[in-house]
N, C-alpha and C. Protein backbone atom coordinates (compact mmCIF):
# COMPACT_ATOMS: atom_id res chain seq x y z
N MET A 1 0.96 -0.98 0.09
CA MET A 1 0.05 -0.34 0.63
C MET A 1 0.90 0.91 0.25
N ASN A 2 0.19 2.04 -0.61
CA ASN A 2 1.26 3.55 -0.76
C ASN A 2 1.14 3.86 0.67
N SER A 3 2.62 4.50 1.17
CA SER A 3 3.06 4.71 2.75
C SER A 3 1.57 6.00 2.73
N ILE A 4 1.85 6.92 2.60
CA ILE A 4 0.81 8.50 2.59
C ILE A 4 -1.11 7.48 2.42
N LEU A 5 -0.95 7.12 1.43
CA LEU A 5 -2.80 6.35 1.26
C LEU A 5 -2.77 5.17 3.19
N GLY A 6 -1.47 5.03 2.93
CA GLY A 6 -1.49 3.95 4.60
C GLY A 6 -1.88 5.15 5.97
N VAL A 7 -0.98 6.40 6.39
CA VAL A 7 -1.51 6.66 7.04
C VAL A 7 -2.38 7.20 7.17
N ILE A 8 -3.25 7.83 6.07
CA ILE A 8 -5.05 8.40 5.89
C ILE A 8 -5.06 6.93 6.96
N LYS A 9 -4.84 6.44 6.16
CA LYS A 9 -6.68 4.87 6.46
C LYS A 9 -5.87 4.48 7.92
N SER A 10 -4.69 5.10 8.49
CA SER A 10 -4.19 4.27 10.12
C SER A 10 -4.40 5.56 10.99
N ARG A 11 -4.93 6.30 10.58
CA ARG A 11 -5.23 7.91 12.20
C ARG A 11 -6.35 8.02 12.29
N ARG A 12 -6.31 7.78 13.96
CA ARG A 12 -7.75 7.64 14.36
C ARG A 12 -8.26 8.87 15.43
N THR A 13 -8.87 9.21 15.76
CA THR A 13 -9.41 10.47 16.16
C THR A 13 -9.28 9.78 18.48
N ILE A 14 -7.95 9.72 18.01
CA ILE A 14 -8.23 9.39 20.17
C ILE A 14 -8.25 10.31 21.28
N VAL A 15 -9.04 10.09 22.26
CA VAL A 15 -9.33 11.45 22.92
C VAL A 15 -9.29 11.69 23.93
N ARG A 16 -8.04 10.38 24.78
CA ARG A 16 -7.89 9.91 26.32
C ARG A 16 -6.20 10.14 25.80
N PHE A 17 -4.67 10.25 25.88
CA PHE A 17 -3.78 10.37 26.55
C PHE A 17 -2.42 10.00 27.58
N SER A 18 -2.04 9.28 27.78
CA SER A 18 -0.69 8.95 28.69
C SER A 18 -0.15 10.40 28.61
N GLU A 19 -0.02 10.48 29.89
CA GLU A 19 0.67 11.60 30.19
C GLU A 19 2.35 11.73 29.37
N ASN A 20 2.73 11.05 29.15
CA ASN A 20 4.29 11.36 28.00
C ASN A 20 4.34 12.28 27.14
N PRO A 21 5.63 12.64 27.46
CA PRO A 21 5.38 14.53 26.00
C PRO A 21 5.22 13.87 25.37
N VAL A 22 5.28 15.01 23.94
CA VAL A 22 5.55 14.73 22.67
C VAL A 22 6.78 15.21 22.40
N GLU A 23 8.16 14.74 21.92
CA GLU A 23 9.38 14.72 22.00
C GLU A 23 9.27 16.56 21.03
N ASP A 24 10.68 17.18 21.47
CA ASP A 24 10.00 18.36 20.62
C ASP A 24 11.06 18.88 19.36
N GLU A 25 11.37 17.53 18.10
CA GLU A 25 11.43 16.98 17.06
C GLU A 25 10.65 16.92 16.40
N LYS A 26 8.99 16.08 17.51
CA LYS A 26 7.96 15.69 16.40
C LYS A 26 7.36 17.18 16.87
N VAL A 27 7.14 17.40 17.48
CA VAL A 27 6.20 19.43 17.80
C VAL A 27 7.27 19.50 16.05
N LYS A 28 7.84 19.68 16.04
CA LYS A 28 8.65 21.09 15.16
C LYS A 28 8.37 20.13 13.35
N THR A 29 7.84 19.06 13.67
CA THR A 29 7.82 18.60 12.61
C THR A 29 5.83 18.71 12.04
N ILE A 30 5.44 18.30 13.38
CA ILE A 30 4.09 18.89 12.98
C ILE A 30 3.66 19.94 12.48
N LEU A 31 4.24 20.95 13.14
CA LEU A 31 4.82 22.51 12.39
C LEU A 31 4.76 22.61 11.53
N GLU A 32 6.15 21.63 10.98
CA GLU A 32 6.44 22.50 9.85
C GLU A 32 5.21 21.64 8.44
N ALA A 33 4.32 20.19 8.88
CA ALA A 33 3.80 19.28 8.12
C ALA A 33 2.42 20.66 7.98
N GLY A 34 1.95 21.57 8.92
CA GLY A 34 1.13 22.70 9.29
C GLY A 34 1.51 23.49 8.19
N ARG A 35 2.94 24.03 8.16
CA ARG A 35 3.83 25.36 7.35
C ARG A 35 2.81 24.42 6.06
N TRP A 36 3.03 23.73 5.61
CA TRP A 36 3.34 22.95 4.02
C TRP A 36 2.20 22.62 3.48
N ALA A 37 0.63 23.01 4.16
CA ALA A 37 -0.43 22.93 3.85
C ALA A 37 -0.52 23.85 2.77
N PRO A 38 -1.28 23.23 2.10
CA PRO A 38 -2.26 23.93 0.73
C PRO A 38 -2.57 25.83 0.72
N SER A 39 -2.75 26.30 0.27
CA SER A 39 -3.50 26.98 0.52
C SER A 39 -3.68 28.85 -0.43
N TRP A 40 -5.04 28.81 -0.10
CA TRP A 40 -5.41 29.90 -1.95
C TRP A 40 -4.73 31.10 -1.95
N LEU A 41 -3.67 30.57 -3.69
CA LEU A 41 -2.63 31.34 -3.78
C LEU A 41 -1.26 32.44 -3.20
N ASN A 42 -1.87 30.86 -2.50
CA ASN A 42 -0.15 30.65 -1.59
C ASN A 42 -0.79 31.34 -0.62
N LYS A 43 -1.53 31.95 0.67
CA LYS A 43 -1.75 33.34 1.80
C LYS A 43 -0.93 33.23 2.77
N GLN A 44 -1.13 31.41 2.35
CA GLN A 44 -0.65 31.10 4.27
C GLN A 44 -1.40 31.82 5.03
N PRO A 45 -2.12 31.70 5.40
CA PRO A 45 -3.26 32.24 6.28
C PRO A 45 -3.37 32.19 8.14
N TRP A 46 -2.61 31.46 8.34
CA TRP A 46 -2.62 30.85 9.80
C TRP A 46 -1.77 30.69 10.61
N VAL A 47 -1.74 30.98 11.87
CA VAL A 47 -0.90 31.29 12.91
C VAL A 47 -2.23 30.33 14.00
N PHE A 48 -0.43 29.43 13.97
CA PHE A 48 -0.45 27.91 15.22
C PHE A 48 -0.17 27.44 16.15
N ILE A 49 -0.71 28.13 17.38
CA ILE A 49 -1.06 28.87 18.91
C ILE A 49 -0.34 27.12 19.87
N VAL A 50 0.86 26.97 19.93
CA VAL A 50 1.05 25.91 20.50
C VAL A 50 0.52 25.65 22.21
N ILE A 51 0.05 24.97 23.18
CA ILE A 51 -0.23 25.18 24.63
C ILE A 51 -0.01 24.36 25.04
N LYS A 52 0.77 24.19 25.57
CA LYS A 52 1.76 23.05 27.41
C LYS A 52 0.83 23.35 28.20
N ASP A 53 0.53 24.68 28.56
CA ASP A 53 0.63 25.23 29.84
C ASP A 53 -1.03 24.29 30.46
N HIS A 54 -1.13 23.96 31.32
CA HIS A 54 -1.91 23.34 32.25
C HIS A 54 -3.11 24.04 32.51
N ASN A 55 -3.68 24.98 33.04
CA ASN A 55 -4.16 26.27 33.05
C ASN A 55 -4.56 27.18 31.99
N ILE A 56 -3.98 26.96 30.94
CA ILE A 56 -4.83 27.42 29.47
C ILE A 56 -5.25 26.14 29.27
N LYS A 57 -5.07 24.79 28.90
CA LYS A 57 -5.69 23.31 28.75
C LYS A 57 -7.11 23.44 29.80
N HIS A 58 -6.61 23.92 30.90
CA HIS A 58 -7.94 23.06 31.43
C HIS A 58 -9.37 24.24 31.59
N GLN A 59 -8.46 25.90 31.30
CA GLN A 59 -9.49 26.41 31.14
C GLN A 59 -10.20 26.38 29.66
N LEU A 60 -10.20 26.02 28.22
CA LEU A 60 -10.20 25.51 27.23
C LEU A 60 -10.51 24.48 27.21
N SER A 61 -10.39 23.15 28.23
CA SER A 61 -11.84 21.78 28.44
C SER A 61 -12.47 21.97 28.72
N ASN A 62 -13.27 23.20 29.49
CA ASN A 62 -14.09 23.89 29.77
C ASN A 62 -15.00 24.46 29.02
N VAL A 63 -15.17 24.97 27.88
CA VAL A 63 -15.63 25.44 26.37
C VAL A 63 -16.44 24.62 25.21
N VAL A 64 -14.97 23.53 25.27
CA VAL A 64 -15.66 22.14 24.64
C VAL A 64 -16.56 21.40 24.95
N PRO A 65 -17.27 20.69 23.59
CA PRO A 65 -18.57 19.83 24.25
C PRO A 65 -17.33 18.58 25.47
N THR A 66 -18.04 18.00 26.44
CA THR A 66 -18.01 16.92 27.24
C THR A 66 -17.27 15.43 26.76
N ILE A 67 -17.08 15.64 25.54
CA ILE A 67 -16.19 14.31 25.57
C ILE A 67 -14.89 14.39 24.77
N PHE A 68 -14.99 16.24 24.34
CA PHE A 68 -13.15 16.05 24.17
C PHE A 68 -12.64 17.10 25.48
N LYS A 69 -13.26 16.86 27.28
CA LYS A 69 -12.37 18.05 28.08
C LYS A 69 -11.66 16.93 28.88
N ASN A 70 -11.52 16.30 29.18
CA ASN A 70 -10.19 15.40 29.38
C ASN A 70 -9.25 15.14 28.50
N GLY A 71 -9.92 15.44 26.82
CA GLY A 71 -8.87 15.18 25.60
C GLY A 71 -7.63 16.50 26.34
N ILE A 72 -8.31 17.72 26.21
CA ILE A 72 -7.89 18.76 26.08
C ILE A 72 -6.64 19.59 27.38
N ARG A 73 -7.28 18.31 28.96
CA ARG A 73 -6.79 18.41 29.70
C ARG A 73 -5.60 17.44 30.49
N GLU A 74 -4.95 16.07 29.17
CA GLU A 74 -4.73 15.03 29.16
C GLU A 74 -2.82 15.86 28.49
N ALA A 75 -3.84 16.15 27.16
CA ALA A 75 -3.32 15.73 25.86
C ALA A 75 -1.91 16.94 26.26
N PRO A 76 -0.68 16.42 26.22
CA PRO A 76 0.67 16.87 26.58
C PRO A 76 1.44 17.95 25.71
N LEU A 77 0.37 17.51 23.84
CA LEU A 77 0.76 19.07 22.96
C LEU A 77 -1.12 19.53 22.37
N CYS A 78 -1.22 20.95 22.72
CA CYS A 78 -2.53 20.94 21.82
C CYS A 78 -1.83 22.62 21.51
N VAL A 79 -2.55 22.49 19.95
CA VAL A 79 -2.26 23.48 18.36
C VAL A 79 -4.45 24.31 18.58
N THR A 80 -4.09 25.81 17.90
CA THR A 80 -5.27 26.64 18.18
C THR A 80 -4.74 26.97 16.68
N ILE A 81 -5.90 26.43 15.89
CA ILE A 81 -5.20 27.14 14.18
C ILE A 81 -6.06 28.41 13.80
N ALA A 82 -5.60 29.60 14.10
CA ALA A 82 -6.01 30.64 13.71
C ALA A 82 -5.92 30.85 12.81
N VAL A 83 -6.75 31.50 11.65
CA VAL A 83 -6.75 32.26 10.24
C VAL A 83 -7.20 33.54 10.15
N ASP A 84 -6.22 34.47 9.37
CA ASP A 84 -6.41 35.64 9.37
C ASP A 84 -8.07 35.95 7.95
N THR A 85 -8.39 36.01 7.94
CA THR A 85 -9.88 36.87 7.00
C THR A 85 -9.52 38.06 5.74
N GLU A 86 -8.80 38.81 6.51
CA GLU A 86 -7.56 39.83 6.21
C GLU A 86 -7.30 39.67 4.78
N GLN A 87 -6.37 38.35 5.35
CA GLN A 87 -5.29 38.41 4.70
C GLN A 87 -6.05 36.99 3.32
N ASP A 88 -7.22 36.38 3.78
CA ASP A 88 -7.48 35.32 3.05
C ASP A 88 -8.93 35.41 3.08
N PRO A 89 -9.90 36.31 2.67
CA PRO A 89 -11.57 36.17 2.88
C PRO A 89 -12.48 34.59 2.20
N TYR A 90 -11.81 34.95 1.15
CA TYR A 90 -12.81 33.55 0.50
C TYR A 90 -12.52 32.60 1.57
N HIS A 91 -11.31 31.67 1.36
CA HIS A 91 -10.90 30.31 2.13
C HIS A 91 -10.10 30.27 3.16
N PHE A 92 -10.25 30.77 3.89
CA PHE A 92 -10.12 30.65 5.44
C PHE A 92 -9.75 29.35 5.58
N ILE A 93 -11.28 29.21 5.68
CA ILE A 93 -11.86 27.64 6.15
C ILE A 93 -11.06 26.62 5.87
N GLU A 94 -10.99 26.89 4.65
CA GLU A 94 -9.81 25.58 2.88
C GLU A 94 -8.27 25.37 4.12
N ASP A 95 -7.82 26.42 4.43
CA ASP A 95 -6.88 26.91 4.55
C ASP A 95 -6.66 25.95 5.37
N GLY A 96 -6.90 26.63 6.33
CA GLY A 96 -6.79 25.53 7.31
C GLY A 96 -6.95 24.82 8.23
N ALA A 97 -7.90 24.05 7.21
CA ALA A 97 -8.60 22.73 7.70
C ALA A 97 -7.19 21.81 6.73
N ALA A 98 -7.05 22.23 6.27
CA ALA A 98 -5.80 21.85 4.91
C ALA A 98 -3.99 21.59 6.08
N ALA A 99 -4.31 22.78 6.70
CA ALA A 99 -2.95 22.63 7.96
C ALA A 99 -3.39 21.79 9.21
N SER A 100 -4.56 21.91 9.14
CA SER A 100 -4.89 21.23 10.27
C SER A 100 -4.71 19.50 10.11
N GLU A 101 -5.65 19.14 8.68
CA GLU A 101 -5.58 17.73 8.45
C GLU A 101 -3.76 17.34 8.20
N ASN A 102 -2.79 18.26 6.92
CA ASN A 102 -1.55 17.44 7.60
C ASN A 102 -1.01 17.67 8.67
N MET A 103 -0.86 18.24 10.14
CA MET A 103 -1.27 17.99 11.30
C MET A 103 -0.97 16.82 11.02
N LEU A 104 -2.24 16.64 11.44
CA LEU A 104 -3.08 15.14 12.33
C LEU A 104 -2.31 13.82 11.71
N LEU A 105 -2.24 14.32 10.88
CA LEU A 105 -1.51 13.13 9.26
C LEU A 105 -0.17 12.66 9.62
N ALA A 106 0.65 14.24 10.29
CA ALA A 106 2.23 14.11 10.34
C ALA A 106 2.34 13.60 11.69
N ALA A 107 1.09 13.66 13.04
CA ALA A 107 1.25 13.37 13.98
C ALA A 107 1.03 11.48 14.32
N THR A 108 0.60 10.69 13.41
CA THR A 108 0.24 9.53 12.73
C THR A 108 1.64 9.12 12.34
N SER A 109 2.28 10.25 11.03
CA SER A 109 3.15 8.92 10.42
C SER A 109 4.15 8.97 12.25
N LEU A 110 4.12 9.54 13.12
CA LEU A 110 5.00 9.88 14.02
C LEU A 110 4.74 8.86 15.10
N GLY A 111 3.49 7.96 15.07
CA GLY A 111 3.26 7.26 16.47
C GLY A 111 3.33 7.66 17.44
N LEU A 112 2.38 8.62 16.92
CA LEU A 112 1.40 9.67 17.72
C LEU A 112 0.30 9.52 17.03
N HIS A 113 -0.26 9.41 18.89
CA HIS A 113 -2.40 10.25 18.78
C HIS A 113 -2.82 11.38 17.94
N SER A 114 -4.54 11.69 17.33
CA SER A 114 -4.43 12.94 17.82
C SER A 114 -6.24 13.07 17.82
N CYS A 115 -6.48 13.80 17.84
CA CYS A 115 -7.41 14.92 18.11
C CYS A 115 -8.45 16.10 16.84
N TRP A 116 -8.69 16.38 16.19
CA TRP A 116 -9.60 17.51 16.13
C TRP A 116 -10.99 17.68 16.46
N ILE A 117 -10.67 19.44 16.97
CA ILE A 117 -11.86 20.07 17.32
C ILE A 117 -12.07 21.31 16.97
N GLY A 118 -13.29 20.92 15.99
CA GLY A 118 -14.00 22.81 15.34
C GLY A 118 -14.07 23.54 16.01
N VAL A 119 -13.70 24.49 16.20
CA VAL A 119 -14.31 25.91 17.40
C VAL A 119 -14.68 26.70 16.31
N LEU A 120 -14.44 27.17 15.03
CA LEU A 120 -14.91 28.36 14.56
C LEU A 120 -16.78 27.44 14.70
N SER A 121 -17.50 29.19 15.11
CA SER A 121 -18.95 28.95 15.34
C SER A 121 -19.95 29.97 13.77
N PRO A 122 -20.43 29.47 13.21
CA PRO A 122 -21.41 30.13 12.53
C PRO A 122 -21.73 31.32 12.90
N GLU A 123 -21.62 32.05 14.45
CA GLU A 123 -21.78 33.03 15.15
C GLU A 123 -20.70 33.48 15.76
N LYS A 124 -20.12 34.16 14.66
CA LYS A 124 -19.02 34.63 15.30
C LYS A 124 -19.04 35.77 16.46
N ASP A 125 -19.82 36.65 15.97
CA ASP A 125 -20.40 37.46 16.94
C ASP A 125 -20.75 37.09 18.32
N ALA A 126 -21.71 36.18 18.25
CA ALA A 126 -21.80 35.61 19.76
C ALA A 126 -21.27 35.99 20.74
N ASN A 127 -21.32 36.66 21.21
CA ASN A 127 -20.60 36.24 22.67
C ASN A 127 -19.98 35.46 23.48
N ARG A 128 -21.09 34.46 23.40
CA ARG A 128 -21.03 33.10 24.52
C ARG A 128 -20.73 31.84 22.56
N SER A 129 -20.23 31.97 21.62
CA SER A 129 -19.99 31.44 20.73
C SER A 129 -18.28 30.38 21.47
N THR A 130 -18.80 29.09 21.36
CA THR A 130 -17.46 28.68 21.76
C THR A 130 -15.85 28.91 20.88
N GLU A 131 -16.13 29.91 20.00
CA GLU A 131 -15.01 29.90 19.19
C GLU A 131 -14.51 31.42 20.09
N ASN A 132 -15.42 32.56 20.10
CA ASN A 132 -14.72 33.48 20.96
C ASN A 132 -14.64 33.60 21.63
N ILE A 133 -15.19 32.50 22.18
CA ILE A 133 -14.85 32.57 24.40
C ILE A 133 -13.32 32.03 23.70
N VAL A 134 -13.00 31.53 23.03
CA VAL A 134 -11.91 30.40 22.65
C VAL A 134 -10.20 31.73 22.43
N LYS A 135 -10.98 32.07 21.39
CA LYS A 135 -10.67 33.38 20.96
C LYS A 135 -9.54 34.80 22.12
N LYS A 136 -10.66 34.52 23.02
CA LYS A 136 -11.04 35.78 24.27
C LYS A 136 -9.45 35.06 25.17
N LEU A 137 -9.33 33.76 25.59
CA LEU A 137 -9.10 32.50 26.35
C LEU A 137 -7.51 32.54 25.82
N LEU A 138 -7.33 33.23 24.35
CA LEU A 138 -5.94 33.20 23.47
C LEU A 138 -5.16 34.19 23.18
N GLY A 139 -6.13 35.31 23.77
CA GLY A 139 -5.51 36.38 22.75
C GLY A 139 -5.81 36.28 21.11
N ILE A 140 -6.75 36.11 20.79
CA ILE A 140 -6.51 36.04 19.31
C ILE A 140 -7.44 37.32 18.62
N PRO A 141 -6.76 37.76 17.86
CA PRO A 141 -6.75 39.64 17.79
C PRO A 141 -9.14 38.77 16.31
N LYS A 142 -9.34 40.07 16.25
CA LYS A 142 -10.61 39.85 15.83
C LYS A 142 -10.47 39.73 15.06
N ASN A 143 -9.67 39.87 13.26
CA ASN A 143 -9.71 38.77 11.99
C ASN A 143 -9.10 38.44 11.71
N PHE A 144 -8.97 37.73 12.99
CA PHE A 144 -8.74 36.16 12.58
C PHE A 144 -9.67 35.60 13.54
N ARG A 145 -10.20 33.71 12.98
CA ARG A 145 -10.85 33.65 13.44
C ARG A 145 -9.97 31.95 14.11
N ALA A 146 -10.73 31.84 15.13
CA ALA A 146 -10.58 30.03 15.45
C ALA A 146 -10.99 29.00 14.66
N LEU A 147 -10.63 27.96 14.04
CA LEU A 147 -10.64 27.64 13.71
C LEU A 147 -10.68 25.68 13.91
N SER A 148 -9.33 25.32 14.78
CA SER A 148 -9.72 24.02 16.02
C SER A 148 -8.26 24.14 16.51
N ILE A 149 -9.03 23.30 18.09
CA ILE A 149 -8.13 23.32 18.56
C ILE A 149 -7.81 21.93 18.29
N LEU A 150 -6.65 21.24 17.91
CA LEU A 150 -5.90 19.84 17.34
C LEU A 150 -5.07 19.74 19.09
N LEU A 151 -5.25 18.37 19.55
CA LEU A 151 -5.23 17.34 20.11
C LEU A 151 -3.71 15.95 20.19
N PHE A 152 -2.81 16.34 20.22
CA PHE A 152 -1.73 15.52 19.98
C PHE A 152 -0.88 14.64 21.43
N GLY A 153 0.03 13.72 21.15
CA GLY A 153 -0.37 13.03 22.14
C GLY A 153 -0.35 11.74 22.05
N TYR A 154 0.15 10.33 23.36
CA TYR A 154 0.45 9.02 22.89
C TYR A 154 -0.56 8.78 23.35
N GLY A 155 -2.06 8.06 22.78
CA GLY A 155 -3.19 7.49 23.43
C GLY A 155 -2.70 6.18 24.52
N ARG A 156 -3.94 6.40 25.82
CA ARG A 156 -4.24 5.67 26.88
C ARG A 156 -3.91 4.39 25.98
N LYS A 157 -3.25 3.18 26.79
CA LYS A 157 -2.84 2.03 26.26
C LYS A 157 -3.42 1.02 27.45
N ASP A 158 -4.99 1.56 27.97
CA ASP A 158 -5.86 0.30 28.59
C ASP A 158 -6.53 1.45 27.49
N LEU A 159 -7.15 1.60 27.16
CA LEU A 159 -8.31 1.87 26.42
C LEU A 159 -8.21 1.58 24.72
N PRO A 160 -9.07 1.05 23.89
CA PRO A 160 -8.77 0.61 22.75
C PRO A 160 -8.96 1.25 22.08
N ILE A 161 -7.99 1.27 20.81
CA ILE A 161 -8.52 2.39 19.43
C ILE A 161 -9.88 1.83 18.75
N PRO A 162 -10.07 2.75 18.52
CA PRO A 162 -11.34 2.92 17.63
C PRO A 162 -11.09 1.96 16.24
N LYS A 163 -12.04 1.18 15.63
CA LYS A 163 -12.54 0.81 13.79
C LYS A 163 -12.64 1.88 13.49
N LYS A 164 -11.91 2.18 12.52
CA LYS A 164 -12.72 3.14 11.41
C LYS A 164 -13.29 2.42 10.00
N GLU A 165 -14.87 2.75 9.56
CA GLU A 165 -15.10 1.72 8.88
C GLU A 165 -15.77 3.06 8.05
N ARG A 166 -15.85 3.19 7.07
CA ARG A 166 -15.76 3.70 5.22
C ARG A 166 -16.95 3.29 4.17
N LYS A 167 -17.88 4.08 3.61
CA LYS A 167 -18.47 3.24 3.03
C LYS A 167 -17.77 3.13 1.53
N PRO A 168 -18.26 2.38 0.27
CA PRO A 168 -17.45 1.30 -0.37
C PRO A 168 -17.11 2.92 -1.53
N LEU A 169 -16.43 3.00 -2.50
CA LEU A 169 -16.31 4.11 -3.36
C LEU A 169 -17.18 4.03 -4.03
N GLU A 170 -17.93 3.03 -4.25
CA GLU A 170 -19.39 3.09 -5.85
C GLU A 170 -20.65 3.89 -5.00
N GLN A 171 -20.49 4.24 -3.96
CA GLN A 171 -21.46 4.30 -3.22
C GLN A 171 -20.75 6.97 -2.94
N ILE A 172 -19.85 6.51 -3.38
CA ILE A 172 -19.50 8.01 -2.80
C ILE A 172 -19.30 8.63 -3.83
N VAL A 173 -18.87 7.95 -5.46
CA VAL A 173 -18.20 8.23 -6.43
C VAL A 173 -18.79 8.87 -7.74
N LEU A 174 -19.16 9.48 -8.16
CA LEU A 174 -20.38 10.23 -9.68
C LEU A 174 -19.26 10.02 -10.61
N GLN A 175 -19.66 10.44 -12.14
CA GLN A 175 -19.48 10.21 -13.31
C GLN A 175 -19.58 11.54 -12.96
N ASN A 176 -19.02 12.53 -13.96
CA ASN A 176 -19.28 13.68 -14.25
C ASN A 176 -20.26 14.44 -14.27
N LYS A 177 -21.39 13.90 -13.62
CA LYS A 177 -22.78 14.96 -12.88
C LYS A 177 -22.95 14.02 -11.99
N PHE A 178 -23.64 14.80 -10.77
CA PHE A 178 -24.42 14.35 -10.42
C PHE A 178 -26.33 13.11 -10.41
C-alpha cells in the first residue's frame, strides 16, 4: 500500500492520552507539516498557537463539548489553528482545515495519536460562542477566526483504538454529473 494512504487509513481520533510528553523534534515536524499545507494563492493565512500550559488547557476544556474535556486536559500538546480573514477572506476555512489535516497526518506518521476539535462558530459575533471564548482565552485578534484545536500525544494503552469504517467508493463516487 502507498505509504501516504497507509497513514491516512491508520489515523484515528483519540480523546484520551497518557502523560508521556511529545518530543520537541516531533512537535517541530507537526508544525512544519501545517506550514506546508496548501492555501489559496499561497497566502498561508494561519497561525499555530502551541499550548502546553496546564492552566490554559484546563480553561479551554471548559469551553469544548464534554467528550473532549479530558482530552484537552490530558494531551501533552494542543495546537490551535487561527486564520486571518483579511489575508484570505474567501478560503480561510479550507486553508486552516488543510493545515489541520496535514498536522494530524504528520502526527500519525510519527506514532502519535491526535484529535481534531472544530471550534469555528457560525455566529462569530455571539459573545457566548465557543469560538469567541477560545479567542478571548488565547488573545486571538479580531481579524482572525479560531478554526480548530488539535490534540496530540500518546494514546492511553488501557483504552482500545476505535475501528474505522468507510463507505465503498461505489456509493460516493459519481462520474461527470451528480
